[in-house]
Amino acid sequence: NFAAQDTISRLVVVYLAFLTIPLGNLNHSV
């Protein structure tokens, strides 16, 4: 997120990264 230089890049990074949590059967504490 800090390496990205525009909001669209940040949005794509956040979406794809957090998509791996349910697809990978992982757990987030909150």
All heavy atoms as atom14 arrays in JSON, in Angstrom:
{
  "sequence": "NFAAQDTISRLVVVYLAFLTIPLGNLNHSV",
  "atom14_mask": [
    [1, 1, 1, 1, 1, 1, 1, 1, 0, 0, 0, 0, 0, 0],
    [1, 1, 1, 1, 1, 1, 1, 1, 1, 1, 1, 0, 0, 0],
    [1, 1, 1, 1, 1, 0, 0, 0, 0, 0, 0, 0, 0, 0],
    [1, 1, 1, 1, 1, 0, 0, 0, 0, 0, 0, 0, 0, 0],
    [1, 1, 1, 1, 1, 1, 1, 1, 1, 0, 0, 0, 0, 0],
    [1, 1, 1, 1, 1, 1, 1, 1, 0, 0, 0, 0, 0, 0],
    [1, 1, 1, 1, 1, 1, 1, 0, 0, 0, 0, 0, 0, 0],
    [1, 1, 1, 1, 1, 1, 1, 1, 0, 0, 0, 0, 0, 0],
    [1, 1, 1, 1, 1, 1, 0, 0, 0, 0, 0, 0, 0, 0],
    [1, 1, 1, 1, 1, 1, 1, 1, 1, 1, 1, 0, 0, 0],
    [1, 1, 1, 1, 1, 1, 1, 1, 0, 0, 0, 0, 0, 0],
    [1, 1, 1, 1, 1, 1, 1, 0, 0, 0, 0, 0, 0, 0],
    [1, 1, 1, 1, 1, 1, 1, 0, 0, 0, 0, 0, 0, 0],
    [1, 1, 1, 1, 1, 1, 1, 0, 0, 0, 0, 0, 0, 0],
    [1, 1, 1, 1, 1, 1, 1, 1, 1, 1, 1, 1, 0, 0],
    [1, 1, 1, 1, 1, 1, 1, 1, 0, 0, 0, 0, 0, 0],
    [1, 1, 1, 1, 1, 0, 0, 0, 0, 0, 0, 0, 0, 0],
    [1, 1, 1, 1, 1, 1, 1, 1, 1, 1, 1, 0, 0, 0],
    [1, 1, 1, 1, 1, 1, 1, 1, 0, 0, 0, 0, 0, 0],
    [1, 1, 1, 1, 1, 1, 1, 0, 0, 0, 0, 0, 0, 0],
    [1, 1, 1, 1, 1, 1, 1, 1, 0, 0, 0, 0, 0, 0],
    [1, 1, 1, 1, 1, 1, 1, 0, 0, 0, 0, 0, 0, 0],
    [1, 1, 1, 1, 1, 1, 1, 1, 0, 0, 0, 0, 0, 0],
    [1, 1, 1, 1, 0, 0, 0, 0, 0, 0, 0, 0, 0, 0],
    [1, 1, 1, 1, 1, 1, 1, 1, 0, 0, 0, 0, 0, 0],
    [1, 1, 1, 1, 1, 1, 1, 1, 0, 0, 0, 0, 0, 0],
    [1, 1, 1, 1, 1, 1, 1, 1, 0, 0, 0, 0, 0, 0],
    [1, 1, 1, 1, 1, 1, 1, 1, 1, 1, 0, 0, 0, 0],
    [1, 1, 1, 1, 1, 1, 0, 0, 0, 0, 0, 0, 0, 0],
    [1, 1, 1, 1, 1, 1, 1, 0, 0, 0, 0, 0, 0, 0]
  ],
  "atom14_positions": [
    [[0.83, -1.2, 0.0], [0.0, 0.0, 0.0], [0.87, 1.25, 0.0], [0.55, 2.25, -0.66], [-0.92, -0.02, 1.22], [-2.01, 1.03, 1.16], [-2.53, 1.32, 0.09], [-2.35, 1.59, 2.3], [0.0, 0.0, 0.0], [0.0, 0.0, 0.0], [0.0, 0.0, 0.0], [0.0, 0.0, 0.0], [0.0, 0.0, 0.0], [0.0, 0.0, 0.0]],
    [[1.97, 1.21, 0.75], [2.88, 2.36, 0.76], [3.79, 2.39, -0.46], [4.35, 3.44, -0.79], [3.72, 2.34, 2.05], [2.98, 2.84, 3.25], [2.36, 1.96, 4.12], [2.86, 4.19, 3.49], [1.66, 2.41, 5.22], [2.16, 4.67, 4.59], [1.57, 3.77, 5.46], [0.0, 0.0, 0.0], [0.0, 0.0, 0.0], [0.0, 0.0, 0.0]],
    [[3.95, 1.26, -1.11], [4.75, 1.24, -2.33], [3.96, 1.71, -3.54], [4.53, 2.18, -4.53], [5.27, -0.18, -2.58], [0.0, 0.0, 0.0], [0.0, 0.0, 0.0], [0.0, 0.0, 0.0], [0.0, 0.0, 0.0], [0.0, 0.0, 0.0], [0.0, 0.0, 0.0], [0.0, 0.0, 0.0], [0.0, 0.0, 0.0], [0.0, 0.0, 0.0]],
    [[2.62, 1.59, -3.47], [1.78, 2.02, -4.59], [1.73, 3.54, -4.68], [1.85, 4.25, -3.67], [0.37, 1.46, -4.41], [0.0, 0.0, 0.0], [0.0, 0.0, 0.0], [0.0, 0.0, 0.0], [0.0, 0.0, 0.0], [0.0, 0.0, 0.0], [0.0, 0.0, 0.0], [0.0, 0.0, 0.0], [0.0, 0.0, 0.0], [0.0, 0.0, 0.0]],
    [[1.53, 4.06, -5.89], [1.56, 5.49, -6.09], [0.22, 6.07, -6.52], [0.12, 7.25, -6.82], [2.64, 5.85, -7.13], [4.04, 5.41, -6.72], [5.11, 5.99, -7.61], [5.08, 7.16, -7.96], [6.07, 5.16, -7.99], [0.0, 0.0, 0.0], [0.0, 0.0, 0.0], [0.0, 0.0, 0.0], [0.0, 0.0, 0.0], [0.0, 0.0, 0.0]],
    [[-0.83, 5.26, -6.55], [-2.15, 5.79, -6.89], [-3.21, 4.93, -6.21], [-2.96, 3.78, -5.82], [-2.37, 5.82, -8.4], [-2.29, 4.43, -9.02], [-3.31, 3.74, -9.02], [-1.2, 4.05, -9.48], [0.0, 0.0, 0.0], [0.0, 0.0, 0.0], [0.0, 0.0, 0.0], [0.0, 0.0, 0.0], [0.0, 0.0, 0.0], [0.0, 0.0, 0.0]],
    [[-4.4, 5.48, -6.09], [-5.48, 4.82, -5.35], [-5.96, 3.56, -6.05], [-6.29, 2.57, -5.39], [-6.65, 5.8, -5.17], [-6.18, 6.95, -4.48], [-7.77, 5.16, -4.36], [0.0, 0.0, 0.0], [0.0, 0.0, 0.0], [0.0, 0.0, 0.0], [0.0, 0.0, 0.0], [0.0, 0.0, 0.0], [0.0, 0.0, 0.0], [0.0, 0.0, 0.0]],
    [[-6.0, 3.56, -7.38], [-6.46, 2.38, -8.11], [-5.55, 1.19, -7.82], [-6.02, 0.07, -7.57], [-6.52, 2.66, -9.62], [-7.53, 3.79, -9.92], [-6.89, 1.4, -10.38], [-8.94, 3.47, -9.49], [0.0, 0.0, 0.0], [0.0, 0.0, 0.0], [0.0, 0.0, 0.0], [0.0, 0.0, 0.0], [0.0, 0.0, 0.0], [0.0, 0.0, 0.0]],
    [[-4.25, 1.43, -7.83], [-3.3, 0.34, -7.53], [-3.53, -0.19, -6.13], [-3.51, -1.41, -5.9], [-1.86, 0.84, -7.67], [-1.6, 1.26, -8.99], [0.0, 0.0, 0.0], [0.0, 0.0, 0.0], [0.0, 0.0, 0.0], [0.0, 0.0, 0.0], [0.0, 0.0, 0.0], [0.0, 0.0, 0.0], [0.0, 0.0, 0.0], [0.0, 0.0, 0.0]],
    [[-3.75, 0.72, -5.17], [-3.99, 0.29, -3.8], [-5.27, -0.54, -3.71], [-5.33, -1.55, -2.99], [-4.08, 1.5, -2.87], [-2.78, 2.26, -2.75], [-2.91, 3.46, -1.82], [-1.67, 4.23, -1.85], [-1.57, 5.49, -2.24], [-2.64, 6.14, -2.63], [-0.41, 6.1, -2.24], [0.0, 0.0, 0.0], [0.0, 0.0, 0.0], [0.0, 0.0, 0.0]],
    [[-6.31, -0.1, -4.4], [-7.58, -0.82, -4.37], [-7.42, -2.23, -4.91], [-7.93, -3.2, -4.32], [-8.62, -0.05, -5.18], [-10.03, -0.61, -5.21], [-10.62, -0.63, -3.81], [-10.92, 0.22, -6.14], [0.0, 0.0, 0.0], [0.0, 0.0, 0.0], [0.0, 0.0, 0.0], [0.0, 0.0, 0.0], [0.0, 0.0, 0.0], [0.0, 0.0, 0.0]],
    [[-6.7, -2.38, -6.01], [-6.49, -3.7, -6.61], [-5.69, -4.59, -5.68], [-6.0, -5.78, -5.48], [-5.8, -3.56, -7.98], [-5.39, -4.93, -8.52], [-6.7, -2.85, -8.98], [0.0, 0.0, 0.0], [0.0, 0.0, 0.0], [0.0, 0.0, 0.0], [0.0, 0.0, 0.0], [0.0, 0.0, 0.0], [0.0, 0.0, 0.0], [0.0, 0.0, 0.0]],
    [[-4.62, -4.02, -5.07], [-3.78, -4.8, -4.16], [-4.59, -5.29, -2.96], [-4.52, -6.45, -2.57], [-2.57, -3.95, -3.69], [-1.89, -4.6, -2.49], [-1.58, -3.78, -4.83], [0.0, 0.0, 0.0], [0.0, 0.0, 0.0], [0.0, 0.0, 0.0], [0.0, 0.0, 0.0], [0.0, 0.0, 0.0], [0.0, 0.0, 0.0], [0.0, 0.0, 0.0]],
    [[-5.36, -4.39, -2.36], [-6.16, -4.75, -1.18], [-7.17, -5.84, -1.55], [-7.34, -6.83, -0.82], [-6.88, -3.51, -0.61], [-7.86, -3.91, 0.49], [-5.86, -2.52, -0.06], [0.0, 0.0, 0.0], [0.0, 0.0, 0.0], [0.0, 0.0, 0.0], [0.0, 0.0, 0.0], [0.0, 0.0, 0.0], [0.0, 0.0, 0.0], [0.0, 0.0, 0.0]],
    [[-7.85, -5.67, -2.67], [-8.89, -6.63, -3.06], [-8.3, -8.02, -3.29], [-8.78, -9.02, -2.74], [-9.6, -6.16, -4.33], [-10.65, -7.15, -4.81], [-11.91, -7.2, -4.21], [-10.36, -8.05, -5.82], [-12.85, -8.12, -4.62], [-11.3, -8.97, -6.25], [-12.55, -9.0, -5.64], [-13.48, -9.92, -6.05], [0.0, 0.0, 0.0], [0.0, 0.0, 0.0]],
    [[-7.25, -8.1, -4.1], [-6.68, -9.41, -4.44], [-6.07, -10.08, -3.21], [-6.2, -11.29, -3.03], [-5.63, -9.26, -5.54], [-6.15, -8.83, -6.91], [-5.0, -8.66, -7.89], [-7.14, -9.86, -7.44], [0.0, 0.0, 0.0], [0.0, 0.0, 0.0], [0.0, 0.0, 0.0], [0.0, 0.0, 0.0], [0.0, 0.0, 0.0], [0.0, 0.0, 0.0]],
    [[-5.41, -9.29, -2.36], [-4.76, -9.87, -1.19], [-5.78, -10.44, -0.22], [-5.64, -11.59, 0.25], [-3.9, -8.82, -0.5], [0.0, 0.0, 0.0], [0.0, 0.0, 0.0], [0.0, 0.0, 0.0], [0.0, 0.0, 0.0], [0.0, 0.0, 0.0], [0.0, 0.0, 0.0], [0.0, 0.0, 0.0], [0.0, 0.0, 0.0], [0.0, 0.0, 0.0]],
    [[-6.82, -9.7, 0.07], [-7.81, -10.18, 1.04], [-8.72, -11.25, 0.45], [-9.36, -11.99, 1.2], [-8.62, -9.01, 1.6], [-7.88, -8.23, 2.64], [-7.3, -7.02, 2.34], [-7.73, -8.74, 3.92], [-6.6, -6.31, 3.29], [-7.04, -8.04, 4.88], [-6.46, -6.81, 4.57], [0.0, 0.0, 0.0], [0.0, 0.0, 0.0], [0.0, 0.0, 0.0]],
    [[-8.79, -11.34, -0.86], [-9.54, -12.42, -1.49], [-8.9, -13.77, -1.2], [-9.59, -14.8, -1.15], [-9.61, -12.18, -3.0], [-10.47, -13.14, -3.82], [-11.93, -13.07, -3.36], [-10.36, -12.81, -5.3], [0.0, 0.0, 0.0], [0.0, 0.0, 0.0], [0.0, 0.0, 0.0], [0.0, 0.0, 0.0], [0.0, 0.0, 0.0], [0.0, 0.0, 0.0]],
    [[-7.58, -13.77, -0.98], [-6.89, -15.04, -0.72], [-7.25, -15.62, 0.65], [-7.05, -16.82, 0.88], [-5.37, -14.85, -0.79], [-4.96, -13.92, 0.23], [-4.95, -14.34, -2.15], [0.0, 0.0, 0.0], [0.0, 0.0, 0.0], [0.0, 0.0, 0.0], [0.0, 0.0, 0.0], [0.0, 0.0, 0.0], [0.0, 0.0, 0.0], [0.0, 0.0, 0.0]],
    [[-7.77, -14.79, 1.58], [-8.09, -15.31, 2.92], [-9.23, -16.33, 2.86], [-9.07, -17.47, 3.34], [-8.4, -14.16, 3.89], [-7.12, -13.35, 4.16], [-8.98, -14.7, 5.2], [-7.32, -12.18, 5.1], [0.0, 0.0, 0.0], [0.0, 0.0, 0.0], [0.0, 0.0, 0.0], [0.0, 0.0, 0.0], [0.0, 0.0, 0.0], [0.0, 0.0, 0.0]],
    [[-10.38, -16.02, 2.25], [-11.42, -17.07, 2.16], [-11.05, -18.17, 1.17], [-11.38, -19.34, 1.41], [-12.67, -16.29, 1.72], [-12.14, -15.1, 0.99], [-10.87, -14.73, 1.71], [0.0, 0.0, 0.0], [0.0, 0.0, 0.0], [0.0, 0.0, 0.0], [0.0, 0.0, 0.0], [0.0, 0.0, 0.0], [0.0, 0.0, 0.0], [0.0, 0.0, 0.0]],
    [[-10.41, -17.81, 0.06], [-10.05, -18.83, -0.92], [-9.01, -19.79, -0.36], [-8.98, -20.97, -0.72], [-9.53, -18.17, -2.2], [-10.55, -17.35, -3.0], [-9.9, -16.76, -4.25], [-11.76, -18.19, -3.38], [0.0, 0.0, 0.0], [0.0, 0.0, 0.0], [0.0, 0.0, 0.0], [0.0, 0.0, 0.0], [0.0, 0.0, 0.0], [0.0, 0.0, 0.0]],
    [[-8.13, -19.3, 0.51], [-7.11, -20.15, 1.11], [-7.54, -20.78, 2.42], [-6.71, -21.42, 3.09], [0.0, 0.0, 0.0], [0.0, 0.0, 0.0], [0.0, 0.0, 0.0], [0.0, 0.0, 0.0], [0.0, 0.0, 0.0], [0.0, 0.0, 0.0], [0.0, 0.0, 0.0], [0.0, 0.0, 0.0], [0.0, 0.0, 0.0], [0.0, 0.0, 0.0]],
    [[-8.8, -20.58, 2.8], [-9.32, -21.13, 4.06], [-8.49, -20.66, 5.24], [-8.17, -21.42, 6.16], [-9.35, -22.66, 4.0], [-10.25, -23.26, 5.07], [-11.2, -22.61, 5.53], [-9.97, -24.49, 5.48], [0.0, 0.0, 0.0], [0.0, 0.0, 0.0], [0.0, 0.0, 0.0], [0.0, 0.0, 0.0], [0.0, 0.0, 0.0], [0.0, 0.0, 0.0]],
    [[-8.15, -19.35, 5.27], [-7.35, -18.76, 6.33], [-8.28, -18.05, 7.32], [-9.48, -17.94, 7.1], [-6.33, -17.79, 5.75], [-5.4, -18.35, 4.67], [-4.45, -17.27, 4.16], [-4.61, -19.55, 5.19], [0.0, 0.0, 0.0], [0.0, 0.0, 0.0], [0.0, 0.0, 0.0], [0.0, 0.0, 0.0], [0.0, 0.0, 0.0], [0.0, 0.0, 0.0]],
    [[-7.7, -17.56, 8.39], [-8.5, -16.92, 9.45], [-7.93, -15.56, 9.82], [-6.71, -15.41, 9.97], [-8.55, -17.78, 10.7], [-9.31, -19.08, 10.5], [-8.72, -20.11, 10.2], [-10.62, -19.03, 10.64], [0.0, 0.0, 0.0], [0.0, 0.0, 0.0], [0.0, 0.0, 0.0], [0.0, 0.0, 0.0], [0.0, 0.0, 0.0], [0.0, 0.0, 0.0]],
    [[-8.82, -14.59, 9.97], [-8.46, -13.25, 10.44], [-9.08, -13.05, 11.82], [-10.26, -13.35, 12.03], [-8.96, -12.19, 9.46], [-8.47, -10.81, 9.78], [-9.09, -10.02, 10.73], [-7.43, -10.09, 9.3], [-8.45, -8.87, 10.8], [-7.43, -8.88, 9.96], [0.0, 0.0, 0.0], [0.0, 0.0, 0.0], [0.0, 0.0, 0.0], [0.0, 0.0, 0.0]],
    [[-8.31, -12.53, 12.76], [-8.73, -12.49, 14.16], [-10.0, -11.68, 14.38], [-10.87, -12.09, 15.17], [-7.6, -11.94, 15.03], [-7.14, -10.68, 14.55], [0.0, 0.0, 0.0], [0.0, 0.0, 0.0], [0.0, 0.0, 0.0], [0.0, 0.0, 0.0], [0.0, 0.0, 0.0], [0.0, 0.0, 0.0], [0.0, 0.0, 0.0], [0.0, 0.0, 0.0]],
    [[-10.13, -10.53, 13.73], [-11.31, -9.69, 13.96], [-12.54, -10.33, 13.34], [-13.64, -10.32, 13.94], [-11.09, -8.27, 13.42], [-12.3, -7.39, 13.74], [-9.83, -7.65, 14.01], [0.0, 0.0, 0.0], [0.0, 0.0, 0.0], [0.0, 0.0, 0.0], [0.0, 0.0, 0.0], [0.0, 0.0, 0.0], [0.0, 0.0, 0.0], [0.0, 0.0, 0.0]]
  ]
}
